[in-house]
Amino acid sequence: MSNLPEGRLAITASFHVPAIVANIKAMLAAPSADAARLKPYAPRLPGKGMGKMMIVTLGRGGGLTSLPFGQFRADFIARKIKSENMFVHQYRKDVGMR
């Protein structure tokens, strides 16, 4: 949950993970929540770089892809990038669960 000036996409939510994990650890280690030194997060600007990326899966075998440099309707691109595993391996890595 956020009120950041970012696109509401899973890819932008994954950018939040390092700051969230660091802040939870800092709060747990601090004597009080107010004493915790929190890691700031700088929002990604909408419509720039990864903010322009969107992959819509249509089942395990296909989908549509919009990347910063173009849009593609070829199933194999969405399948290779996202449909096969829904980025589960990346999210596990992001939270330290290899």
PDB file of N, CA and C in Angstrom:
ATOM      1  N   MET A   1       0.849  -1.168   0.000  1.00  0.00           N
ATOM      2  CA  MET A   1       0.000   0.000   0.000  1.00  0.00           C
ATOM      3  C   MET A   1       0.896   1.234   0.000  1.00  0.00           C
ATOM      4  N   SER A   2       0.644   2.095  -0.939  1.00  0.00           N
ATOM      5  CA  SER A   2       1.428   3.318  -0.993  1.00  0.00           C
ATOM      6  C   SER A   2       0.648   4.402  -1.709  1.00  0.00           C
ATOM      7  N   ASN A   3       1.111   5.598  -1.503  1.00  0.00           N
ATOM      8  CA  ASN A   3       0.545   6.737  -2.205  1.00  0.00           C
ATOM      9  C   ASN A   3       1.674   7.418  -2.967  1.00  0.00           C
ATOM     10  N   LEU A   4       2.474   6.624  -3.628  1.00  0.00           N
ATOM     11  CA  LEU A   4       3.624   7.139  -4.362  1.00  0.00           C
ATOM     12  C   LEU A   4       3.237   7.457  -5.797  1.00  0.00           C
ATOM     13  N   PRO A   5       3.919   8.409  -6.422  1.00  0.00           N
ATOM     14  CA  PRO A   5       3.611   8.742  -7.822  1.00  0.00           C
ATOM     15  C   PRO A   5       4.230   7.726  -8.774  1.00  0.00           C
ATOM     16  N   GLU A   6       3.796   6.488  -8.664  1.00  0.00           N
ATOM     17  CA  GLU A   6       4.299   5.405  -9.510  1.00  0.00           C
ATOM     18  C   GLU A   6       3.120   4.677 -10.118  1.00  0.00           C
ATOM     19  N   GLY A   7       3.383   3.965 -11.198  1.00  0.00           N
ATOM     20  CA  GLY A   7       2.361   3.110 -11.769  1.00  0.00           C
ATOM     21  C   GLY A   7       2.027   2.001 -10.791  1.00  0.00           C
ATOM     22  N   ARG A   8       0.794   1.564 -10.769  1.00  0.00           N
ATOM     23  CA  ARG A   8       0.363   0.491  -9.869  1.00  0.00           C
ATOM     24  C   ARG A   8       0.571  -0.853 -10.560  1.00  0.00           C
ATOM     25  N   LEU A   9       1.833  -1.241 -10.631  1.00  0.00           N
ATOM     26  CA  LEU A   9       2.216  -2.474 -11.306  1.00  0.00           C
ATOM     27  C   LEU A   9       3.037  -3.335 -10.362  1.00  0.00           C
ATOM     28  N   ALA A  10       3.032  -4.628 -10.587  1.00  0.00           N
ATOM     29  CA  ALA A  10       3.824  -5.528  -9.755  1.00  0.00           C
ATOM     30  C   ALA A  10       5.306  -5.184  -9.825  1.00  0.00           C
ATOM     31  N   ILE A  11       5.783  -4.770 -10.984  1.00  0.00           N
ATOM     32  CA  ILE A  11       7.208  -4.465 -11.122  1.00  0.00           C
ATOM     33  C   ILE A  11       7.609  -3.306 -10.208  1.00  0.00           C
ATOM     34  N   THR A  12       6.754  -2.298 -10.049  1.00  0.00           N
ATOM     35  CA  THR A  12       7.104  -1.196  -9.158  1.00  0.00           C
ATOM     36  C   THR A  12       7.012  -1.625  -7.702  1.00  0.00           C
ATOM     37  N   ALA A  13       6.085  -2.518  -7.387  1.00  0.00           N
ATOM     38  CA  ALA A  13       6.012  -3.036  -6.019  1.00  0.00           C
ATOM     39  C   ALA A  13       7.301  -3.766  -5.666  1.00  0.00           C
ATOM     40  N   SER A  14       7.887  -4.451  -6.622  1.00  0.00           N
ATOM     41  CA  SER A  14       9.128  -5.179  -6.340  1.00  0.00           C
ATOM     42  C   SER A  14      10.292  -4.222  -6.068  1.00  0.00           C
ATOM     43  N   PHE A  15      10.220  -2.989  -6.557  1.00  0.00           N
ATOM     44  CA  PHE A  15      11.265  -2.008  -6.268  1.00  0.00           C
ATOM     45  C   PHE A  15      11.225  -1.595  -4.788  1.00  0.00           C
ATOM     46  N   HIS A  16      10.070  -1.724  -4.154  1.00  0.00           N
ATOM     47  CA  HIS A  16       9.897  -1.336  -2.759  1.00  0.00           C
ATOM     48  C   HIS A  16      10.538  -2.342  -1.800  1.00  0.00           C
ATOM     49  N   VAL A  17      10.667  -3.584  -2.231  1.00  0.00           N
ATOM     50  CA  VAL A  17      11.094  -4.673  -1.343  1.00  0.00           C
ATOM     51  C   VAL A  17      12.390  -4.383  -0.578  1.00  0.00           C
ATOM     52  N   PRO A  18      13.483  -3.963  -1.229  1.00  0.00           N
ATOM     53  CA  PRO A  18      14.716  -3.738  -0.457  1.00  0.00           C
ATOM     54  C   PRO A  18      14.540  -2.719   0.677  1.00  0.00           C
ATOM     55  N   ALA A  19      13.825  -1.636   0.427  1.00  0.00           N
ATOM     56  CA  ALA A  19      13.606  -0.620   1.464  1.00  0.00           C
ATOM     57  C   ALA A  19      12.698  -1.164   2.564  1.00  0.00           C
ATOM     58  N   ILE A  20      11.669  -1.886   2.195  1.00  0.00           N
ATOM     59  CA  ILE A  20      10.738  -2.432   3.186  1.00  0.00           C
ATOM     60  C   ILE A  20      11.444  -3.426   4.100  1.00  0.00           C
ATOM     61  N   VAL A  21      12.196  -4.350   3.513  1.00  0.00           N
ATOM     62  CA  VAL A  21      12.912  -5.358   4.304  1.00  0.00           C
ATOM     63  C   VAL A  21      13.924  -4.686   5.230  1.00  0.00           C
ATOM     64  N   ALA A  22      14.690  -3.740   4.709  1.00  0.00           N
ATOM     65  CA  ALA A  22      15.679  -3.040   5.533  1.00  0.00           C
ATOM     66  C   ALA A  22      14.998  -2.278   6.671  1.00  0.00           C
ATOM     67  N   ASN A  23      13.862  -1.663   6.398  1.00  0.00           N
ATOM     68  CA  ASN A  23      13.172  -0.888   7.424  1.00  0.00           C
ATOM     69  C   ASN A  23      12.553  -1.777   8.497  1.00  0.00           C
ATOM     70  N   ILE A  24      12.016  -2.913   8.112  1.00  0.00           N
ATOM     71  CA  ILE A  24      11.472  -3.849   9.108  1.00  0.00           C
ATOM     72  C   ILE A  24      12.597  -4.353  10.007  1.00  0.00           C
ATOM     73  N   LYS A  25      13.735  -4.724   9.412  1.00  0.00           N
ATOM     74  CA  LYS A  25      14.878  -5.181  10.207  1.00  0.00           C
ATOM     75  C   LYS A  25      15.376  -4.081  11.140  1.00  0.00           C
ATOM     76  N   ALA A  26      15.438  -2.842  10.653  1.00  0.00           N
ATOM     77  CA  ALA A  26      15.895  -1.714  11.475  1.00  0.00           C
ATOM     78  C   ALA A  26      14.939  -1.471  12.640  1.00  0.00           C
ATOM     79  N   MET A  27      13.646  -1.583  12.389  1.00  0.00           N
ATOM     80  CA  MET A  27      12.664  -1.362  13.448  1.00  0.00           C
ATOM     81  C   MET A  27      12.723  -2.470  14.496  1.00  0.00           C
ATOM     82  N   LEU A  28      12.953  -3.698  14.057  1.00  0.00           N
ATOM     83  CA  LEU A  28      13.056  -4.809  15.005  1.00  0.00           C
ATOM     84  C   LEU A  28      14.317  -4.709  15.860  1.00  0.00           C
ATOM     85  N   ALA A  29      15.389  -4.192  15.286  1.00  0.00           N
ATOM     86  CA  ALA A  29      16.663  -4.104  16.002  1.00  0.00           C
ATOM     87  C   ALA A  29      16.745  -2.876  16.903  1.00  0.00           C
ATOM     88  N   ALA A  30      15.952  -1.864  16.649  1.00  0.00           N
ATOM     89  CA  ALA A  30      16.016  -0.612  17.416  1.00  0.00           C
ATOM     90  C   ALA A  30      15.286  -0.758  18.751  1.00  0.00           C
ATOM     91  N   PRO A  31      15.710   0.012  19.755  1.00  0.00           N
ATOM     92  CA  PRO A  31      15.026  -0.048  21.047  1.00  0.00           C
ATOM     93  C   PRO A  31      13.573   0.450  20.983  1.00  0.00           C
ATOM     94  N   SER A  32      13.285   1.327  20.018  1.00  0.00           N
ATOM     95  CA  SER A  32      11.909   1.786  19.790  1.00  0.00           C
ATOM     96  C   SER A  32      11.765   2.108  18.305  1.00  0.00           C
ATOM     97  N   ALA A  33      10.536   2.119  17.823  1.00  0.00           N
ATOM     98  CA  ALA A  33      10.300   2.409  16.404  1.00  0.00           C
ATOM     99  C   ALA A  33      10.814   3.799  16.035  1.00  0.00           C
ATOM    100  N   ASP A  34      10.699   4.741  16.967  1.00  0.00           N
ATOM    101  CA  ASP A  34      11.168   6.107  16.700  1.00  0.00           C
ATOM    102  C   ASP A  34      12.690   6.178  16.565  1.00  0.00           C
ATOM    103  N   ALA A  35      13.399   5.242  17.190  1.00  0.00           N
ATOM    104  CA  ALA A  35      14.865   5.256  17.164  1.00  0.00           C
ATOM    105  C   ALA A  35      15.432   4.569  15.923  1.00  0.00           C
ATOM    106  N   ALA A  36      14.599   3.892  15.176  1.00  0.00           N
ATOM    107  CA  ALA A  36      15.069   3.158  13.998  1.00  0.00           C
ATOM    108  C   ALA A  36      15.514   4.117  12.902  1.00  0.00           C
ATOM    109  N   ARG A  37      16.634   3.803  12.288  1.00  0.00           N
ATOM    110  CA  ARG A  37      17.108   4.597  11.140  1.00  0.00           C
ATOM    111  C   ARG A  37      16.557   3.934   9.880  1.00  0.00           C
ATOM    112  N   LEU A  38      15.560   4.546   9.296  1.00  0.00           N
ATOM    113  CA  LEU A  38      14.867   3.952   8.163  1.00  0.00           C
ATOM    114  C   LEU A  38      15.531   4.320   6.846  1.00  0.00           C
ATOM    115  N   LYS A  39      15.470   3.363   5.921  1.00  0.00           N
ATOM    116  CA  LYS A  39      16.021   3.558   4.579  1.00  0.00           C
ATOM    117  C   LYS A  39      14.976   4.289   3.728  1.00  0.00           C
ATOM    118  N   PRO A  40      15.339   5.422   3.137  1.00  0.00           N
ATOM    119  CA  PRO A  40      14.362   6.125   2.289  1.00  0.00           C
ATOM    120  C   PRO A  40      14.159   5.397   0.958  1.00  0.00           C
ATOM    121  N   TYR A  41      13.043   5.659   0.351  1.00  0.00           N
ATOM    122  CA  TYR A  41      12.737   5.092  -0.956  1.00  0.00           C
ATOM    123  C   TYR A  41      12.427   6.231  -1.911  1.00  0.00           C
ATOM    124  N   ALA A  42      13.084   6.252  -3.045  1.00  0.00           N
ATOM    125  CA  ALA A  42      12.818   7.266  -4.066  1.00  0.00           C
ATOM    126  C   ALA A  42      11.909   6.659  -5.130  1.00  0.00           C
ATOM    127  N   PRO A  43      10.711   7.196  -5.308  1.00  0.00           N
ATOM    128  CA  PRO A  43       9.784   6.641  -6.300  1.00  0.00           C
ATOM    129  C   PRO A  43      10.357   6.693  -7.714  1.00  0.00           C
ATOM    130  N   ARG A  44       9.990   5.712  -8.495  1.00  0.00           N
ATOM    131  CA  ARG A  44      10.330   5.703  -9.919  1.00  0.00           C
ATOM    132  C   ARG A  44       9.296   6.565 -10.623  1.00  0.00           C
ATOM    133  N   LEU A  45       9.745   7.403 -11.502  1.00  0.00           N
ATOM    134  CA  LEU A  45       8.808   8.273 -12.201  1.00  0.00           C
ATOM    135  C   LEU A  45       7.928   7.469 -13.148  1.00  0.00           C
ATOM    136  N   PRO A  46       6.613   7.757 -13.161  1.00  0.00           N
ATOM    137  CA  PRO A  46       5.729   7.024 -14.053  1.00  0.00           C
ATOM    138  C   PRO A  46       6.048   7.302 -15.518  1.00  0.00           C
ATOM    139  N   GLY A  47       5.965   6.266 -16.315  1.00  0.00           N
ATOM    140  CA  GLY A  47       6.178   6.427 -17.746  1.00  0.00           C
ATOM    141  C   GLY A  47       7.618   6.529 -18.168  1.00  0.00           C
ATOM    142  N   LYS A  48       8.560   6.251 -17.266  1.00  0.00           N
ATOM    143  CA  LYS A  48       9.982   6.315 -17.609  1.00  0.00           C
ATOM    144  C   LYS A  48      10.633   4.993 -17.227  1.00  0.00           C
ATOM    145  N   GLY A  49      11.513   4.514 -18.062  1.00  0.00           N
ATOM    146  CA  GLY A  49      12.255   3.290 -17.767  1.00  0.00           C
ATOM    147  C   GLY A  49      11.340   2.122 -17.448  1.00  0.00           C
ATOM    148  N   MET A  50      11.601   1.487 -16.304  1.00  0.00           N
ATOM    149  CA  MET A  50      10.821   0.317 -15.917  1.00  0.00           C
ATOM    150  C   MET A  50       9.364   0.675 -15.639  1.00  0.00           C
ATOM    151  N   GLY A  51       9.080   1.946 -15.376  1.00  0.00           N
ATOM    152  CA  GLY A  51       7.701   2.368 -15.165  1.00  0.00           C
ATOM    153  C   GLY A  51       6.838   2.204 -16.402  1.00  0.00           C
ATOM    154  N   LYS A  52       7.481   2.028 -17.572  1.00  0.00           N
ATOM    155  CA  LYS A  52       6.728   1.825 -18.812  1.00  0.00           C
ATOM    156  C   LYS A  52       6.580   0.343 -19.142  1.00  0.00           C
ATOM    157  N   MET A  53       7.083  -0.514 -18.288  1.00  0.00           N
ATOM    158  CA  MET A  53       7.053  -1.944 -18.572  1.00  0.00           C
ATOM    159  C   MET A  53       5.773  -2.568 -18.040  1.00  0.00           C
ATOM    160  N   MET A  54       5.123  -3.360 -18.866  1.00  0.00           N
ATOM    161  CA  MET A  54       3.948  -4.095 -18.434  1.00  0.00           C
ATOM    162  C   MET A  54       3.894  -5.404 -19.218  1.00  0.00           C
ATOM    163  N   ILE A  55       3.654  -6.476 -18.500  1.00  0.00           N
ATOM    164  CA  ILE A  55       3.500  -7.780 -19.132  1.00  0.00           C
ATOM    165  C   ILE A  55       2.183  -8.349 -18.648  1.00  0.00           C
ATOM    166  N   VAL A  56       1.285  -8.599 -19.567  1.00  0.00           N
ATOM    167  CA  VAL A  56      -0.012  -9.167 -19.239  1.00  0.00           C
ATOM    168  C   VAL A  56       0.011 -10.618 -19.693  1.00  0.00           C
ATOM    169  N   THR A  57      -0.122 -11.518 -18.719  1.00  0.00           N
ATOM    170  CA  THR A  57      -0.095 -12.931 -19.083  1.00  0.00           C
ATOM    171  C   THR A  57      -1.492 -13.392 -19.477  1.00  0.00           C
ATOM    172  N   LEU A  58      -1.517 -14.277 -20.405  1.00  0.00           N
ATOM    173  CA  LEU A  58      -2.756 -14.913 -20.848  1.00  0.00           C
ATOM    174  C   LEU A  58      -2.537 -16.417 -20.708  1.00  0.00           C
ATOM    175  N   GLY A  59      -2.580 -16.876 -19.472  1.00  0.00           N
ATOM    176  CA  GLY A  59      -2.297 -18.273 -19.191  1.00  0.00           C
ATOM    177  C   GLY A  59      -0.802 -18.515 -19.158  1.00  0.00           C
ATOM    178  N   ARG A  60      -0.414 -19.780 -19.074  1.00  0.00           N
ATOM    179  CA  ARG A  60       1.002 -20.133 -19.006  1.00  0.00           C
ATOM    180  C   ARG A  60       1.713 -19.952 -20.335  1.00  0.00           C
ATOM    181  N   GLY A  61       0.974 -19.917 -21.411  1.00  0.00           N
ATOM    182  CA  GLY A  61       1.618 -19.952 -22.710  1.00  0.00           C
ATOM    183  C   GLY A  61       1.711 -18.658 -23.474  1.00  0.00           C
ATOM    184  N   GLY A  62       1.230 -17.564 -22.927  1.00  0.00           N
ATOM    185  CA  GLY A  62       1.301 -16.366 -23.751  1.00  0.00           C
ATOM    186  C   GLY A  62       0.960 -15.096 -23.024  1.00  0.00           C
ATOM    187  N   GLY A  63       0.846 -14.042 -23.814  1.00  0.00           N
ATOM    188  CA  GLY A  63       0.514 -12.750 -23.252  1.00  0.00           C
ATOM    189  C   GLY A  63       0.965 -11.612 -24.139  1.00  0.00           C
ATOM    190  N   LEU A  64       0.831 -10.425 -23.607  1.00  0.00           N
ATOM    191  CA  LEU A  64       1.217  -9.203 -24.308  1.00  0.00           C
ATOM    192  C   LEU A  64       2.284  -8.491 -23.493  1.00  0.00           C
ATOM    193  N   THR A  65       3.208  -7.835 -24.171  1.00  0.00           N
ATOM    194  CA  THR A  65       4.326  -7.182 -23.498  1.00  0.00           C
ATOM    195  C   THR A  65       4.487  -5.755 -23.999  1.00  0.00           C
ATOM    196  N   SER A  66       4.614  -4.831 -23.040  1.00  0.00           N
ATOM    197  CA  SER A  66       4.928  -3.444 -23.363  1.00  0.00           C
ATOM    198  C   SER A  66       6.223  -3.106 -22.629  1.00  0.00           C
ATOM    199  N   LEU A  67       7.270  -2.841 -23.376  1.00  0.00           N
ATOM    200  CA  LEU A  67       8.581  -2.511 -22.822  1.00  0.00           C
ATOM    201  C   LEU A  67       8.900  -1.056 -23.141  1.00  0.00           C
ATOM    202  N   PRO A  68       9.877  -0.463 -22.458  1.00  0.00           N
ATOM    203  CA  PRO A  68      10.198   0.949 -22.728  1.00  0.00           C
ATOM    204  C   PRO A  68      10.498   1.249 -24.199  1.00  0.00           C
ATOM    205  N   PHE A  69      10.924   0.241 -24.946  1.00  0.00           N
ATOM    206  CA  PHE A  69      11.286   0.473 -26.348  1.00  0.00           C
ATOM    207  C   PHE A  69      10.265  -0.071 -27.342  1.00  0.00           C
ATOM    208  N   GLY A  70       9.108  -0.548 -26.887  1.00  0.00           N
ATOM    209  CA  GLY A  70       8.088  -0.997 -27.822  1.00  0.00           C
ATOM    210  C   GLY A  70       7.100  -1.973 -27.230  1.00  0.00           C
ATOM    211  N   GLN A  71       6.032  -2.245 -27.995  1.00  0.00           N
ATOM    212  CA  GLN A  71       5.005  -3.190 -27.578  1.00  0.00           C
ATOM    213  C   GLN A  71       5.070  -4.415 -28.468  1.00  0.00           C
ATOM    214  N   PHE A  72       4.808  -5.578 -27.859  1.00  0.00           N
ATOM    215  CA  PHE A  72       4.917  -6.832 -28.588  1.00  0.00           C
ATOM    216  C   PHE A  72       3.709  -7.710 -28.310  1.00  0.00           C
ATOM    217  N   ARG A  73       3.213  -8.329 -29.344  1.00  0.00           N
ATOM    218  CA  ARG A  73       2.094  -9.254 -29.192  1.00  0.00           C
ATOM    219  C   ARG A  73       2.538 -10.694 -29.368  1.00  0.00           C
ATOM    220  N   ALA A  74       3.824 -10.915 -29.433  1.00  0.00           N
ATOM    221  CA  ALA A  74       4.356 -12.267 -29.604  1.00  0.00           C
ATOM    222  C   ALA A  74       4.297 -12.994 -28.266  1.00  0.00           C
ATOM    223  N   ASP A  75       3.599 -14.132 -28.240  1.00  0.00           N
ATOM    224  CA  ASP A  75       3.437 -14.899 -27.011  1.00  0.00           C
ATOM    225  C   ASP A  75       4.761 -15.271 -26.364  1.00  0.00           C
ATOM    226  N   PHE A  76       5.763 -15.596 -27.162  1.00  0.00           N
ATOM    227  CA  PHE A  76       7.005 -16.115 -26.589  1.00  0.00           C
ATOM    228  C   PHE A  76       7.693 -15.104 -25.678  1.00  0.00           C
ATOM    229  N   ILE A  77       7.537 -13.802 -25.938  1.00  0.00           N
ATOM    230  CA  ILE A  77       8.184 -12.791 -25.092  1.00  0.00           C
ATOM    231  C   ILE A  77       7.557 -12.795 -23.695  1.00  0.00           C
ATOM    232  N   ALA A  78       6.242 -12.715 -23.631  1.00  0.00           N
ATOM    233  CA  ALA A  78       5.564 -12.743 -22.331  1.00  0.00           C
ATOM    234  C   ALA A  78       5.807 -14.068 -21.624  1.00  0.00           C
ATOM    235  N   ARG A  79       5.800 -15.147 -22.369  1.00  0.00           N
ATOM    236  CA  ARG A  79       6.012 -16.475 -21.773  1.00  0.00           C
ATOM    237  C   ARG A  79       7.406 -16.563 -21.160  1.00  0.00           C
ATOM    238  N   LYS A  80       8.423 -16.134 -21.870  1.00  0.00           N
ATOM    239  CA  LYS A  80       9.794 -16.232 -21.376  1.00  0.00           C
ATOM    240  C   LYS A  80      10.051 -15.286 -20.209  1.00  0.00           C
ATOM    241  N   ILE A  81       9.473 -14.103 -20.239  1.00  0.00           N
ATOM    242  CA  ILE A  81       9.732 -13.126 -19.190  1.00  0.00           C
ATOM    243  C   ILE A  81       8.905 -13.408 -17.939  1.00  0.00           C
ATOM    244  N   LYS A  82       7.639 -13.793 -18.099  1.00  0.00           N
ATOM    245  CA  LYS A  82       6.767 -13.840 -16.937  1.00  0.00           C
ATOM    246  C   LYS A  82       5.892 -15.088 -16.813  1.00  0.00           C
ATOM    247  N   SER A  83       5.262 -15.531 -17.856  1.00  0.00           N
ATOM    248  CA  SER A  83       4.224 -16.543 -17.742  1.00  0.00           C
ATOM    249  C   SER A  83       4.693 -17.867 -17.152  1.00  0.00           C
ATOM    250  N   GLU A  84       5.925 -18.255 -17.425  1.00  0.00           N
ATOM    251  CA  GLU A  84       6.378 -19.568 -16.971  1.00  0.00           C
ATOM    252  C   GLU A  84       6.449 -19.682 -15.461  1.00  0.00           C
ATOM    253  N   ASN A  85       6.829 -18.600 -14.769  1.00  0.00           N
ATOM    254  CA  ASN A  85       7.010 -18.724 -13.321  1.00  0.00           C
ATOM    255  C   ASN A  85       6.526 -17.501 -12.536  1.00  0.00           C
ATOM    256  N   MET A  86       5.938 -16.531 -13.191  1.00  0.00           N
ATOM    257  CA  MET A  86       5.375 -15.336 -12.556  1.00  0.00           C
ATOM    258  C   MET A  86       6.381 -14.604 -11.662  1.00  0.00           C
ATOM    259  N   PHE A  87       7.667 -14.667 -12.003  1.00  0.00           N
ATOM    260  CA  PHE A  87       8.742 -13.983 -11.274  1.00  0.00           C
ATOM    261  C   PHE A  87       8.932 -14.484  -9.845  1.00  0.00           C
ATOM    262  N   VAL A  88       8.389 -15.653  -9.512  1.00  0.00           N
ATOM    263  CA  VAL A  88       8.512 -16.155  -8.143  1.00  0.00           C
ATOM    264  C   VAL A  88       9.970 -16.240  -7.734  1.00  0.00           C
ATOM    265  N   HIS A  89      10.850 -16.717  -8.627  1.00  0.00           N
ATOM    266  CA  HIS A  89      12.274 -16.823  -8.290  1.00  0.00           C
ATOM    267  C   HIS A  89      12.870 -15.461  -7.928  1.00  0.00           C
ATOM    268  N   GLN A  90      12.449 -14.407  -8.612  1.00  0.00           N
ATOM    269  CA  GLN A  90      12.978 -13.069  -8.329  1.00  0.00           C
ATOM    270  C   GLN A  90      12.491 -12.554  -6.984  1.00  0.00           C
ATOM    271  N   TYR A  91      11.214 -12.780  -6.675  1.00  0.00           N
ATOM    272  CA  TYR A  91      10.679 -12.312  -5.384  1.00  0.00           C
ATOM    273  C   TYR A  91      11.327 -13.055  -4.231  1.00  0.00           C
ATOM    274  N   ARG A  92      11.589 -14.364  -4.418  1.00  0.00           N
ATOM    275  CA  ARG A  92      12.295 -15.120  -3.380  1.00  0.00           C
ATOM    276  C   ARG A  92      13.688 -14.553  -3.164  1.00  0.00           C
ATOM    277  N   LYS A  93      14.365 -14.207  -4.232  1.00  0.00           N
ATOM    278  CA  LYS A  93      15.701 -13.621  -4.136  1.00  0.00           C
ATOM    279  C   LYS A  93      15.649 -12.254  -3.441  1.00  0.00           C
ATOM    280  N   ASP A  94      14.634 -11.433  -3.782  1.00  0.00           N
ATOM    281  CA  ASP A  94      14.492 -10.099  -3.217  1.00  0.00           C
ATOM    282  C   ASP A  94      14.349 -10.117  -1.694  1.00  0.00           C
ATOM    283  N   VAL A  95      13.695 -11.147  -1.161  1.00  0.00           N
ATOM    284  CA  VAL A  95      13.493 -11.216   0.290  1.00  0.00           C
ATOM    285  C   VAL A  95      14.493 -12.147   0.972  1.00  0.00           C
ATOM    286  N   GLY A  96      15.524 -12.574   0.221  1.00  0.00           N
ATOM    287  CA  GLY A  96      16.592 -13.377   0.817  1.00  0.00           C
ATOM    288  C   GLY A  96      16.291 -14.853   0.942  1.00  0.00           C
ATOM    289  N   MET A  97      15.333 -15.353   0.177  1.00  0.00           N
ATOM    290  CA  MET A  97      14.996 -16.787   0.194  1.00  0.00           C
ATOM    291  C   MET A  97      15.464 -17.422  -1.095  1.00  0.00           C
ATOM    292  N   ARG A  98      16.684 -17.767  -1.190  1.00  0.00           N
ATOM    293  CA  ARG A  98      17.237 -18.287  -2.433  1.00  0.00           C
ATOM    294  C   ARG A  98      16.750 -19.655  -2.737  1.00  0.00           C
TER     295      ARG A  98
END
